[in-house]
Amino acid sequence: MKTDAIYLGKMLACGLALCLLLDGCTSDKKSPVPVNTNTAPANEIPFLAYTLVNSLPHDTTSYTQGLLIHNGQWFESTGAPVELAQTRSVFGILDTTTGKIKVKAELDKNTYFGEGIVILKGKVYQLTWQNQVGFIYDAKNFNSLGQFNLPAREGWGLTTDGTFLIMSDGTNKLTWLDPSTFSTVKTVNVTQKGYAVDYLNELEFIRGYVYANVFMTNTIVKIDPGTGHVTGLLDLTSLVEKAKELSPGAEILNGIAFDSVSDKIYVTGKLWPEIYQIEFPH
């Protein structure tokens, strides 16, 4: 997804589907406060209680499209909306002491809009938004290794289960790709209580589940990759508000990173001033 404004009309038209993420919406209803999973009724999808542990700096010119930690090293990819002259479509190593990206590759912002990235078996894979292509780089020296075609009209988020690439395309569908042939291995339609959860965005694979930002909301959904069912919800409204208090230009939540070695999880957003380490049952 390129910018908030581009999809605003679509989001308003699909308001009912998005409201289902919060199990209904009324004009005076406030965002639910996360609760312990063991307090939710058996037929309800639990909100996962989380704790803010730490914060790290983040560059407020980074229009975050992907965030990941691989072998202890941080990486970030960004997009470049034409109306935000300071933004670039890049990916590179993220310096968590400054929040700046040490750029390893940059796309021509007049042609491509950079999206999610992932590292798998020595290669970096990067999506583009509407060009229906992705790019491949050597994960050691970041030299270009070519490109591949996307099996969807748009590319949004990207992660891996250690064997396959898993991508989102702005709908409620997740697609598993063979990293050697880029053929589709399987697709899963994501639903919550029988309703499609559209606008799946940046992805992260954490201990057997896919976690996805839902575009234009403060919600991250926990997805069973076998069934596509949403099994948990994270309402990060308080972090969105914190980011906007620190930097009025901060936009939507987008970015999940899991450090599998330390078992730490981090989130951020587009043009956010900080990255937040959070703890929750996972």
C-alpha atoms as a PDB file:
ATOM      1  CA  MET A   1       0.000   0.000   0.000  1.00  0.00           C
ATOM      2  CA  LYS A   2       1.405   3.252  -1.147  1.00  0.00           C
ATOM      3  CA  THR A   3      -0.151   5.953   1.002  1.00  0.00           C
ATOM      4  CA  ASP A   4      -2.943   6.315   3.502  1.00  0.00           C
ATOM      5  CA  ALA A   5      -4.948   8.616   1.227  1.00  0.00           C
ATOM      6  CA  ILE A   6      -4.945   6.255  -1.751  1.00  0.00           C
ATOM      7  CA  TYR A   7      -6.839   3.572   0.101  1.00  0.00           C
ATOM      8  CA  LEU A   8      -8.997   5.738   2.349  1.00  0.00           C
ATOM      9  CA  GLY A   9     -12.010   5.494   0.074  1.00  0.00           C
ATOM     10  CA  LYS A  10     -11.740   1.732  -0.105  1.00  0.00           C
ATOM     11  CA  MET A  11     -11.383   1.510   3.626  1.00  0.00           C
ATOM     12  CA  LEU A  12     -14.529   3.523   4.223  1.00  0.00           C
ATOM     13  CA  ALA A  13     -16.396   1.256   1.844  1.00  0.00           C
ATOM     14  CA  CYS A  14     -15.156  -1.777   3.739  1.00  0.00           C
ATOM     15  CA  GLY A  15     -15.721  -0.318   7.192  1.00  0.00           C
ATOM     16  CA  LEU A  16     -17.867  -3.204   8.329  1.00  0.00           C
ATOM     17  CA  ALA A  17     -15.175  -5.758   7.604  1.00  0.00           C
ATOM     18  CA  LEU A  18     -12.601  -3.736   9.495  1.00  0.00           C
ATOM     19  CA  CYS A  19     -14.911  -3.161  12.431  1.00  0.00           C
ATOM     20  CA  LEU A  20     -15.170  -6.909  12.811  1.00  0.00           C
ATOM     21  CA  LEU A  21     -11.530  -6.867  13.864  1.00  0.00           C
ATOM     22  CA  LEU A  22     -12.766  -5.233  17.015  1.00  0.00           C
ATOM     23  CA  ASP A  23     -15.979  -7.263  17.182  1.00  0.00           C
ATOM     24  CA  GLY A  24     -18.281  -4.392  16.229  1.00  0.00           C
ATOM     25  CA  CYS A  25     -18.196  -0.624  16.097  1.00  0.00           C
ATOM     26  CA  THR A  26     -20.377   2.213  17.262  1.00  0.00           C
ATOM     27  CA  SER A  27     -19.885   5.946  17.144  1.00  0.00           C
ATOM     28  CA  ASP A  28     -18.983   6.189  20.823  1.00  0.00           C
ATOM     29  CA  LYS A  29     -17.093   2.930  21.266  1.00  0.00           C
ATOM     30  CA  LYS A  30     -13.488   3.271  22.318  1.00  0.00           C
ATOM     31  CA  SER A  31     -10.747   0.911  21.172  1.00  0.00           C
ATOM     32  CA  PRO A  32     -10.755  -2.162  23.423  1.00  0.00           C
ATOM     33  CA  VAL A  33      -8.057  -2.400  26.049  1.00  0.00           C
ATOM     34  CA  PRO A  34      -5.955  -5.549  25.561  1.00  0.00           C
ATOM     35  CA  VAL A  35      -6.909  -8.245  28.048  1.00  0.00           C
ATOM     36  CA  ASN A  36      -5.443 -11.533  29.131  1.00  0.00           C
ATOM     37  CA  THR A  37      -6.312 -14.365  26.780  1.00  0.00           C
ATOM     38  CA  ASN A  38      -7.720 -16.440  29.619  1.00  0.00           C
ATOM     39  CA  THR A  39     -10.425 -13.861  30.350  1.00  0.00           C
ATOM     40  CA  ALA A  40     -12.016 -14.034  26.880  1.00  0.00           C
ATOM     41  CA  PRO A  41     -15.131 -16.150  26.355  1.00  0.00           C
ATOM     42  CA  ALA A  42     -14.505 -19.414  24.557  1.00  0.00           C
ATOM     43  CA  ASN A  43     -16.173 -18.219  21.349  1.00  0.00           C
ATOM     44  CA  GLU A  44     -14.377 -14.857  21.266  1.00  0.00           C
ATOM     45  CA  ILE A  45     -11.014 -14.143  19.690  1.00  0.00           C
ATOM     46  CA  PRO A  46      -8.749 -12.950  22.507  1.00  0.00           C
ATOM     47  CA  PHE A  47      -6.954  -9.666  22.665  1.00  0.00           C
ATOM     48  CA  LEU A  48      -3.357 -10.381  23.630  1.00  0.00           C
ATOM     49  CA  ALA A  49      -2.201  -8.398  26.641  1.00  0.00           C
ATOM     50  CA  TYR A  50       1.143  -6.750  25.934  1.00  0.00           C
ATOM     51  CA  THR A  51       3.731  -4.781  27.864  1.00  0.00           C
ATOM     52  CA  LEU A  52       5.924  -2.001  26.499  1.00  0.00           C
ATOM     53  CA  VAL A  53       9.467  -2.973  27.442  1.00  0.00           C
ATOM     54  CA  ASN A  54      11.777  -0.612  25.602  1.00  0.00           C
ATOM     55  CA  SER A  55      12.009   1.941  22.821  1.00  0.00           C
ATOM     56  CA  LEU A  56      14.644   2.496  20.160  1.00  0.00           C
ATOM     57  CA  PRO A  57      15.121   5.457  17.803  1.00  0.00           C
ATOM     58  CA  HIS A  58      13.603   5.372  14.326  1.00  0.00           C
ATOM     59  CA  ASP A  59      14.113   7.737  11.414  1.00  0.00           C
ATOM     60  CA  THR A  60      11.014   9.889  10.875  1.00  0.00           C
ATOM     61  CA  THR A  61      11.742   9.995   7.136  1.00  0.00           C
ATOM     62  CA  SER A  62      11.473   6.196   6.861  1.00  0.00           C
ATOM     63  CA  TYR A  63       8.124   5.182   5.353  1.00  0.00           C
ATOM     64  CA  THR A  64       8.335   1.675   6.777  1.00  0.00           C
ATOM     65  CA  GLN A  65       7.233  -1.220   4.590  1.00  0.00           C
ATOM     66  CA  GLY A  66       9.182  -4.065   6.166  1.00  0.00           C
ATOM     67  CA  LEU A  67      11.106  -4.656   9.388  1.00  0.00           C
ATOM     68  CA  LEU A  68      13.092  -7.757  10.312  1.00  0.00           C
ATOM     69  CA  ILE A  69      15.916  -9.151  12.398  1.00  0.00           C
ATOM     70  CA  HIS A  70      18.147 -11.811  10.859  1.00  0.00           C
ATOM     71  CA  ASN A  71      21.060 -13.395  12.726  1.00  0.00           C
ATOM     72  CA  GLY A  72      21.024 -10.524  15.195  1.00  0.00           C
ATOM     73  CA  GLN A  73      21.144  -7.843  12.491  1.00  0.00           C
ATOM     74  CA  TRP A  74      18.317  -5.412  11.822  1.00  0.00           C
ATOM     75  CA  PHE A  75      16.936  -4.626   8.370  1.00  0.00           C
ATOM     76  CA  GLU A  76      14.291  -2.221   7.139  1.00  0.00           C
ATOM     77  CA  SER A  77      12.640  -1.528   3.776  1.00  0.00           C
ATOM     78  CA  THR A  78      10.794   1.657   2.908  1.00  0.00           C
ATOM     79  CA  GLY A  79       8.516   3.101   0.252  1.00  0.00           C
ATOM     80  CA  ALA A  80       8.377   6.555  -1.266  1.00  0.00           C
ATOM     81  CA  PRO A  81       4.996   8.266  -1.730  1.00  0.00           C
ATOM     82  CA  VAL A  82       5.309  10.949  -4.405  1.00  0.00           C
ATOM     83  CA  GLU A  83       3.796  13.559  -2.104  1.00  0.00           C
ATOM     84  CA  LEU A  84       6.501  12.957   0.530  1.00  0.00           C
ATOM     85  CA  ALA A  85       9.670  14.254  -1.109  1.00  0.00           C
ATOM     86  CA  GLN A  86      11.870  13.177   1.809  1.00  0.00           C
ATOM     87  CA  THR A  87      11.037   9.487   1.406  1.00  0.00           C
ATOM     88  CA  ARG A  88      12.959   6.861  -0.581  1.00  0.00           C
ATOM     89  CA  SER A  89      12.330   3.268  -1.648  1.00  0.00           C
ATOM     90  CA  VAL A  90      15.323   1.578  -0.036  1.00  0.00           C
ATOM     91  CA  PHE A  91      16.314  -1.376   2.057  1.00  0.00           C
ATOM     92  CA  GLY A  92      19.356  -1.831   4.211  1.00  0.00           C
ATOM     93  CA  ILE A  93      20.820  -2.449   7.633  1.00  0.00           C
ATOM     94  CA  LEU A  94      19.085  -0.537  10.400  1.00  0.00           C
ATOM     95  CA  ASP A  95      21.319   1.123  12.983  1.00  0.00           C
ATOM     96  CA  THR A  96      19.278   0.885  16.185  1.00  0.00           C
ATOM     97  CA  THR A  97      21.430   3.481  17.946  1.00  0.00           C
ATOM     98  CA  THR A  98      20.398   6.181  15.456  1.00  0.00           C
ATOM     99  CA  GLY A  99      17.338   4.747  13.709  1.00  0.00           C
ATOM    100  CA  LYS A 100      18.984   5.369  10.340  1.00  0.00           C
ATOM    101  CA  ILE A 101      19.171   2.854   7.486  1.00  0.00           C
ATOM    102  CA  LYS A 102      22.556   2.030   5.982  1.00  0.00           C
ATOM    103  CA  VAL A 103      21.227   1.717   2.460  1.00  0.00           C
ATOM    104  CA  LYS A 104      22.142  -1.448   0.554  1.00  0.00           C
ATOM    105  CA  ALA A 105      19.778  -1.060  -2.402  1.00  0.00           C
ATOM    106  CA  GLU A 106      17.539   1.697  -3.711  1.00  0.00           C
ATOM    107  CA  LEU A 107      14.741   1.587  -6.266  1.00  0.00           C
ATOM    108  CA  ASP A 108      13.919   4.397  -8.668  1.00  0.00           C
ATOM    109  CA  LYS A 109      10.989   6.019  -6.879  1.00  0.00           C
ATOM    110  CA  ASN A 110       9.594   7.204 -10.201  1.00  0.00           C
ATOM    111  CA  THR A 111       9.168   3.594 -11.299  1.00  0.00           C
ATOM    112  CA  TYR A 112       8.951   1.381  -8.214  1.00  0.00           C
ATOM    113  CA  PHE A 113       7.438   1.613  -4.769  1.00  0.00           C
ATOM    114  CA  GLY A 114       9.374  -0.598  -2.354  1.00  0.00           C
ATOM    115  CA  GLU A 115       7.434  -2.960  -0.115  1.00  0.00           C
ATOM    116  CA  GLY A 116       8.221  -5.846   2.265  1.00  0.00           C
ATOM    117  CA  ILE A 117      11.503  -7.746   2.513  1.00  0.00           C
ATOM    118  CA  VAL A 118      12.681 -11.057   3.921  1.00  0.00           C
ATOM    119  CA  ILE A 119      15.941 -13.002   4.090  1.00  0.00           C
ATOM    120  CA  LEU A 120      15.964 -16.712   3.317  1.00  0.00           C
ATOM    121  CA  LYS A 121      18.879 -19.066   2.603  1.00  0.00           C
ATOM    122  CA  GLY A 122      21.402 -16.362   1.881  1.00  0.00           C
ATOM    123  CA  LYS A 123      19.186 -14.164  -0.252  1.00  0.00           C
ATOM    124  CA  VAL A 124      17.186 -10.983   0.311  1.00  0.00           C
ATOM    125  CA  TYR A 125      13.781 -10.820  -1.365  1.00  0.00           C
ATOM    126  CA  GLN A 126      12.070  -7.463  -1.860  1.00  0.00           C
ATOM    127  CA  LEU A 127       8.535  -6.799  -3.087  1.00  0.00           C
ATOM    128  CA  THR A 128       7.278  -3.846  -5.090  1.00  0.00           C
ATOM    129  CA  TRP A 129       3.777  -2.472  -4.811  1.00  0.00           C
ATOM    130  CA  GLN A 130       2.140  -2.384  -8.254  1.00  0.00           C
ATOM    131  CA  ASN A 131       4.832  -3.490 -10.704  1.00  0.00           C
ATOM    132  CA  GLN A 132       4.137  -7.192 -10.116  1.00  0.00           C
ATOM    133  CA  VAL A 133       7.849  -7.882  -9.668  1.00  0.00           C
ATOM    134  CA  GLY A 134      10.177  -8.552  -6.771  1.00  0.00           C
ATOM    135  CA  PHE A 135      13.944  -8.212  -6.535  1.00  0.00           C
ATOM    136  CA  ILE A 136      16.579 -10.633  -5.235  1.00  0.00           C
ATOM    137  CA  TYR A 137      19.921  -9.744  -3.642  1.00  0.00           C
ATOM    138  CA  ASP A 138      22.846 -11.614  -2.155  1.00  0.00           C
ATOM    139  CA  ALA A 139      22.441 -11.343   1.623  1.00  0.00           C
ATOM    140  CA  LYS A 140      26.219 -11.003   2.165  1.00  0.00           C
ATOM    141  CA  ASN A 141      27.243  -8.360  -0.342  1.00  0.00           C
ATOM    142  CA  PHE A 142      23.762  -7.155  -1.444  1.00  0.00           C
ATOM    143  CA  ASN A 143      24.608  -7.521  -5.127  1.00  0.00           C
ATOM    144  CA  SER A 144      21.601  -7.929  -7.389  1.00  0.00           C
ATOM    145  CA  LEU A 145      20.705 -11.524  -8.260  1.00  0.00           C
ATOM    146  CA  GLY A 146      17.758 -10.739 -10.510  1.00  0.00           C
ATOM    147  CA  GLN A 147      14.018 -10.432 -10.112  1.00  0.00           C
ATOM    148  CA  PHE A 148      10.851 -12.532 -10.029  1.00  0.00           C
ATOM    149  CA  ASN A 149       7.212 -12.152 -10.967  1.00  0.00           C
ATOM    150  CA  LEU A 150       4.547 -11.798  -8.300  1.00  0.00           C
ATOM    151  CA  PRO A 151       1.415 -13.997  -8.444  1.00  0.00           C
ATOM    152  CA  ALA A 152      -0.794 -11.033  -7.569  1.00  0.00           C
ATOM    153  CA  ARG A 153      -1.631  -7.543  -8.776  1.00  0.00           C
ATOM    154  CA  GLU A 154       0.118  -5.995  -5.791  1.00  0.00           C
ATOM    155  CA  GLY A 155       2.894  -6.832  -3.353  1.00  0.00           C
ATOM    156  CA  TRP A 156       2.550  -5.756   0.287  1.00  0.00           C
ATOM    157  CA  GLY A 157       4.162  -7.803   3.073  1.00  0.00           C
ATOM    158  CA  LEU A 158       6.727 -10.599   3.056  1.00  0.00           C
ATOM    159  CA  THR A 159       7.966 -13.153   5.593  1.00  0.00           C
ATOM    160  CA  THR A 160       9.122 -16.783   5.687  1.00  0.00           C
ATOM    161  CA  ASP A 161       8.451 -19.961   7.609  1.00  0.00           C
ATOM    162  CA  GLY A 162      12.049 -21.043   6.977  1.00  0.00           C
ATOM    163  CA  THR A 163      11.149 -22.989   3.839  1.00  0.00           C
ATOM    164  CA  PHE A 164       8.852 -20.813   1.734  1.00  0.00           C
ATOM    165  CA  LEU A 165       8.266 -17.123   1.140  1.00  0.00           C
ATOM    166  CA  ILE A 166       4.910 -15.906   2.477  1.00  0.00           C
ATOM    167  CA  MET A 167       3.469 -12.752   0.933  1.00  0.00           C
ATOM    168  CA  SER A 168       0.410 -10.561   1.338  1.00  0.00           C
ATOM    169  CA  ASP A 169      -1.165  -8.606  -1.505  1.00  0.00           C
ATOM    170  CA  GLY A 170      -3.587  -6.229   0.213  1.00  0.00           C
ATOM    171  CA  THR A 171      -6.471  -8.692   0.294  1.00  0.00           C
ATOM    172  CA  ASN A 172      -7.227 -11.367   2.896  1.00  0.00           C
ATOM    173  CA  LYS A 173      -5.045 -13.874   1.035  1.00  0.00           C
ATOM    174  CA  LEU A 174      -1.610 -15.131   2.054  1.00  0.00           C
ATOM    175  CA  THR A 175       0.472 -16.853  -0.628  1.00  0.00           C
ATOM    176  CA  TRP A 176       3.298 -19.333  -0.044  1.00  0.00           C
ATOM    177  CA  LEU A 177       5.975 -19.199  -2.788  1.00  0.00           C
ATOM    178  CA  ASP A 178       8.762 -21.627  -3.604  1.00  0.00           C
ATOM    179  CA  PRO A 179      11.936 -19.481  -3.320  1.00  0.00           C
ATOM    180  CA  SER A 180      13.623 -21.384  -6.156  1.00  0.00           C
ATOM    181  CA  THR A 181      10.868 -21.332  -8.787  1.00  0.00           C
ATOM    182  CA  PHE A 182       8.529 -18.672  -7.352  1.00  0.00           C
ATOM    183  CA  SER A 183       5.616 -20.951  -8.101  1.00  0.00           C
ATOM    184  CA  THR A 184       2.667 -20.813  -5.726  1.00  0.00           C
ATOM    185  CA  VAL A 185       2.805 -23.622  -3.165  1.00  0.00           C
ATOM    186  CA  LYS A 186      -0.481 -22.764  -1.470  1.00  0.00           C
ATOM    187  CA  THR A 187      -2.787 -19.907  -0.596  1.00  0.00           C
ATOM    188  CA  VAL A 188      -4.754 -19.317   2.594  1.00  0.00           C
ATOM    189  CA  ASN A 189      -7.692 -16.965   3.003  1.00  0.00           C
ATOM    190  CA  VAL A 190      -7.582 -15.216   6.373  1.00  0.00           C
ATOM    191  CA  THR A 191     -10.852 -14.977   8.256  1.00  0.00           C
ATOM    192  CA  GLN A 192     -12.089 -13.840  11.638  1.00  0.00           C
ATOM    193  CA  LYS A 193     -15.217 -15.596  12.856  1.00  0.00           C
ATOM    194  CA  GLY A 194     -16.115 -16.429   9.267  1.00  0.00           C
ATOM    195  CA  TYR A 195     -15.495 -12.966   7.785  1.00  0.00           C
ATOM    196  CA  ALA A 196     -12.596 -12.039   5.505  1.00  0.00           C
ATOM    197  CA  VAL A 197      -9.852  -9.922   7.067  1.00  0.00           C
ATOM    198  CA  ASP A 198      -8.713  -7.746   4.169  1.00  0.00           C
ATOM    199  CA  TYR A 199      -5.789  -5.316   3.880  1.00  0.00           C
ATOM    200  CA  LEU A 200      -3.227  -7.707   5.351  1.00  0.00           C
ATOM    201  CA  ASN A 201       0.023  -5.797   5.269  1.00  0.00           C
ATOM    202  CA  GLU A 202       3.473  -6.245   6.801  1.00  0.00           C
ATOM    203  CA  LEU A 203       4.058  -9.807   8.014  1.00  0.00           C
ATOM    204  CA  GLU A 204       6.163 -11.693  10.545  1.00  0.00           C
ATOM    205  CA  PHE A 205       6.352 -15.432  11.221  1.00  0.00           C
ATOM    206  CA  ILE A 206       6.596 -16.055  14.976  1.00  0.00           C
ATOM    207  CA  ARG A 207       6.677 -19.526  16.474  1.00  0.00           C
ATOM    208  CA  GLY A 208       4.387 -21.177  13.959  1.00  0.00           C
ATOM    209  CA  TYR A 209       1.972 -18.277  13.420  1.00  0.00           C
ATOM    210  CA  VAL A 210       1.806 -15.450  10.912  1.00  0.00           C
ATOM    211  CA  TYR A 211       1.322 -11.997  12.423  1.00  0.00           C
ATOM    212  CA  ALA A 212       0.012  -9.273  10.101  1.00  0.00           C
ATOM    213  CA  ASN A 213      -0.566  -5.561  10.366  1.00  0.00           C
ATOM    214  CA  VAL A 214      -4.025  -4.654   9.097  1.00  0.00           C
ATOM    215  CA  PHE A 215      -3.671  -1.549   6.930  1.00  0.00           C
ATOM    216  CA  MET A 216      -5.232   1.644   8.269  1.00  0.00           C
ATOM    217  CA  THR A 217      -5.925   0.130  11.695  1.00  0.00           C
ATOM    218  CA  ASN A 218      -4.025  -0.124  14.971  1.00  0.00           C
ATOM    219  CA  THR A 219      -4.448  -3.888  14.929  1.00  0.00           C
ATOM    220  CA  ILE A 220      -2.104  -6.808  14.383  1.00  0.00           C
ATOM    221  CA  VAL A 221      -3.757 -10.176  13.827  1.00  0.00           C
ATOM    222  CA  LYS A 222      -2.317 -13.572  14.777  1.00  0.00           C
ATOM    223  CA  ILE A 223      -3.076 -16.105  12.033  1.00  0.00           C
ATOM    224  CA  ASP A 224      -3.054 -19.886  12.052  1.00  0.00           C
ATOM    225  CA  PRO A 225      -1.253 -20.649   8.750  1.00  0.00           C
ATOM    226  CA  GLY A 226      -2.988 -23.990   8.416  1.00  0.00           C
ATOM    227  CA  THR A 227      -6.552 -22.704   8.529  1.00  0.00           C
ATOM    228  CA  GLY A 228      -6.236 -18.956   7.991  1.00  0.00           C
ATOM    229  CA  HIS A 229      -8.233 -18.349  11.149  1.00  0.00           C
ATOM    230  CA  VAL A 230      -7.370 -15.322  13.272  1.00  0.00           C
ATOM    231  CA  THR A 231      -6.575 -16.669  16.728  1.00  0.00           C
ATOM    232  CA  GLY A 232      -5.493 -13.500  18.508  1.00  0.00           C
ATOM    233  CA  LEU A 233      -5.512  -9.700  18.252  1.00  0.00           C
ATOM    234  CA  LEU A 234      -3.098  -6.996  19.307  1.00  0.00           C
ATOM    235  CA  ASP A 235      -4.615  -3.532  19.726  1.00  0.00           C
ATOM    236  CA  LEU A 236      -1.624  -1.164  19.621  1.00  0.00           C
ATOM    237  CA  THR A 237      -3.584   2.086  19.816  1.00  0.00           C
ATOM    238  CA  SER A 238      -1.567   3.289  22.804  1.00  0.00           C
ATOM    239  CA  LEU A 239       1.692   2.932  20.846  1.00  0.00           C
ATOM    240  CA  VAL A 240       0.246   4.715  17.828  1.00  0.00           C
ATOM    241  CA  GLU A 241      -0.802   7.575  20.077  1.00  0.00           C
ATOM    242  CA  LYS A 242       2.616   7.652  21.748  1.00  0.00           C
ATOM    243  CA  ALA A 243       4.381   7.850  18.381  1.00  0.00           C
ATOM    244  CA  LYS A 244       2.125  10.689  17.221  1.00  0.00           C
ATOM    245  CA  GLU A 245       2.640  12.604  20.456  1.00  0.00           C
ATOM    246  CA  LEU A 246       6.389  12.449  19.924  1.00  0.00           C
ATOM    247  CA  SER A 247       6.162  13.248  16.213  1.00  0.00           C
ATOM    248  CA  PRO A 248       2.925  14.698  14.757  1.00  0.00           C
ATOM    249  CA  GLY A 249       3.963  13.505  11.297  1.00  0.00           C
ATOM    250  CA  ALA A 250       3.880   9.852  12.348  1.00  0.00           C
ATOM    251  CA  GLU A 251       1.448   7.802  10.287  1.00  0.00           C
ATOM    252  CA  ILE A 252       0.032   4.293  10.588  1.00  0.00           C
ATOM    253  CA  LEU A 253       1.313   1.223  12.372  1.00  0.00           C
ATOM    254  CA  ASN A 254       3.407  -0.923  10.025  1.00  0.00           C
ATOM    255  CA  GLY A 255       6.357  -3.109  10.943  1.00  0.00           C
ATOM    256  CA  ILE A 256       6.876  -6.246  13.017  1.00  0.00           C
ATOM    257  CA  ALA A 257      10.258  -7.813  13.775  1.00  0.00           C
ATOM    258  CA  PHE A 258      10.969 -10.976  15.742  1.00  0.00           C
ATOM    259  CA  ASP A 259      14.405 -11.793  17.141  1.00  0.00           C
ATOM    260  CA  SER A 260      14.201 -15.566  17.388  1.00  0.00           C
ATOM    261  CA  VAL A 261      17.451 -15.773  19.359  1.00  0.00           C
ATOM    262  CA  SER A 262      16.443 -13.410  22.163  1.00  0.00           C
ATOM    263  CA  ASP A 263      12.684 -14.060  21.738  1.00  0.00           C
ATOM    264  CA  LYS A 264      12.017 -10.337  21.502  1.00  0.00           C
ATOM    265  CA  ILE A 265       9.364  -8.657  19.376  1.00  0.00           C
ATOM    266  CA  TYR A 266       9.456  -5.109  18.024  1.00  0.00           C
ATOM    267  CA  VAL A 267       6.908  -2.922  16.226  1.00  0.00           C
ATOM    268  CA  THR A 268       7.005   0.442  14.494  1.00  0.00           C
ATOM    269  CA  GLY A 269       5.170   2.471  11.871  1.00  0.00           C
ATOM    270  CA  LYS A 270       5.501   4.768   8.899  1.00  0.00           C
ATOM    271  CA  LEU A 271       7.490   7.899   9.783  1.00  0.00           C
ATOM    272  CA  TRP A 272       7.513   6.900  13.447  1.00  0.00           C
ATOM    273  CA  PRO A 273      10.147   8.378  15.773  1.00  0.00           C
ATOM    274  CA  GLU A 274      10.595   5.115  17.688  1.00  0.00           C
ATOM    275  CA  ILE A 275      10.594   1.341  17.494  1.00  0.00           C
ATOM    276  CA  TYR A 276       8.914  -0.357  20.449  1.00  0.00           C
ATOM    277  CA  GLN A 277       9.845  -3.633  22.064  1.00  0.00           C
ATOM    278  CA  ILE A 278       6.732  -5.332  23.382  1.00  0.00           C
ATOM    279  CA  GLU A 279       6.092  -8.547  25.263  1.00  0.00           C
ATOM    280  CA  PHE A 280       2.976 -10.690  24.909  1.00  0.00           C
ATOM    281  CA  PRO A 281       2.113 -14.411  24.955  1.00  0.00           C
ATOM    282  CA  HIS A 282       3.210 -15.928  21.662  1.00  0.00           C
END
